[in-house]
Each structure stands twice: as C-alpha cells, then as structure tokens.
Amino acid sequence: MPRDLHMTTLQPIAFVGAGPGDPDLLTVKALRAMQEADVVIHDRLVSAEILALVGPQTRLRNAGKEGFGPSVTQNDINAMIVDEALTGARVVRLKSGDPTVFGRLDEELDAVIDAGLDYTIMPGLTSASAAVAALGQSLTKRGRNTAVRLITGHDMQGYADHDWRALAREGEVAAIYMAKKAARFIQGRLLMHGAPPSTPVTIVENASRADQRIVSATLATLPAILAEADITGPALLMYGLAPRDAAATALPHVQEMI
C-alpha cells in the first residue's frame, strides 16, 4: 500500500526484544512499549512472566513458531502485524531474545515497509549472553578465541550447514541456537572435520529463568547426554565452553540453577 496522508495518524510498529526470559533482564524501553501497546504479537518462547507485564488495555496475540512442528506461517504473522497497525493500534511485535538474532526480522520489516508503515527496533538481550553468563564464562577470551559464532542448528531447508572445518579448530566457540534436534547432525559434521571428541559442549536450558538447567557434555557424548537430560525448554548449545563450576545435582551431568 503506498504511503498517503492518512498514514501519518498511524503508529510505528515496535519490534521489541523480550530478552531470554527473566523479566528483570527486560529493558526499560521494552517494558514501556509493552505497557503502552494496544496489542502485543508475541513469539512462543516469550516467558509468561514477561507477558504478565503488558498494560491492562493490551491484547495478546500468539504468533508462535516451532522448528519441525506446528507454527503460524510467516506470511500470516506479517499480515497480522500489518492489519493490526492499519487499524491505528499501537502494535508491539515481541520477540524472545533480540529481534535481530534469528528473529525473522527482515521479512517482517519488508512487509511493514511495503504497507507504507513506520517502525522502530528495540534490541533485547540475546540468549547467548544469558547462557554464557550462567556458565561463569566469556564468549571471547584472550589466548583462546578472538571471535565467536552465533549459528542456528536448522533453517528453512532443514539442518543448517556451516563452515564446519573452521568451527572444528581448537579454541573455537559458538552459541548454537535451535540445536536440540540437530545435535547428532552437528556432532557428525564437527567430528568429520577434525574436532576433538573431548571438545566441551554445554547445553543451557531456559537461560536466565527460574527453571534454568546447565547440562555438561562433550562432543562425543552430546546426543546421549541430551537424551538423558530430557530437555524440553528452549536451549542453547555452547560449543567449546564448559561451566566454570561443573558441580552436578539432579543428573550426573546436570546442574539446576533455581
């Protein structure tokens, strides 16, 4: 829809990062936008504690997507955002973590711009930052790694491919999003390209939340440890990093953080 004069009365759409789940990690700007919104269109992974902070006048609309599972299509999400904004509503598109990291932000921005609407982006704390903080580690460290990769375990075509040879080098670190179902694939690719089987891989489930768990593994044991831990919540694989304190409680490889 081309922009015309009546569009000046419409509100810009706010693309807001909800952070990893702990409401105390929500930015002040994000909280203000949520409390002033007429409608919040949210992802499946946004925590209930954060959704409870919306204003009393705010409608919640679930636009959940799940890898290899039932999802609202991206086209339907785009239409939902645009249609709500065209009514004059103050729309917040609330995304878990940071909207610029594996958040389909570009596709939604294209739909908004094509409709002649304005937008603003409010970054949030991405899950990799919360996960590595839970380990008592850093994503980068002098003498170990001068770069870190943020990669995904699967994409629209299935399991995602990467530069496995580079990632298999000693000292490499990566935060691997959406990797639970791809764990055996990732393990196979890395071992094939020379990564040591003893390379630490730590799984952080529900990073920053009250039910956070840290599961210690190595590249060799990764699929078996994941199956044993029965991880059901959102999880990141922290490749190349072990917890600073690897003490375990509930399972031999699992640390509860409650």
Foldseek 3Di string as FASTA:
>chain_A
DADDDVQVLFDAEEEAECELEPNVQGDPVRLVLQQPFQEEEEEPRHYPVSNVSGHPNYHYHYQYDDVVDDGRDPVNVLCVRQVCRVVRTHYYHYYYAFCVAPNCVVVSVVSCVVSVHHHDYHTGHHLVVLVCVVLVHDQDDPPQDPDEEEEEQADPVGGDDDPLLVCLDGRYKYKYFPCLVNLVVSLVSNVVNPRDQQQKKWKWFSRPDQFIKIFIDGSVCVNVSSVVVVHDGGMIIITRDGRPDQDPDPDRGMHTDD
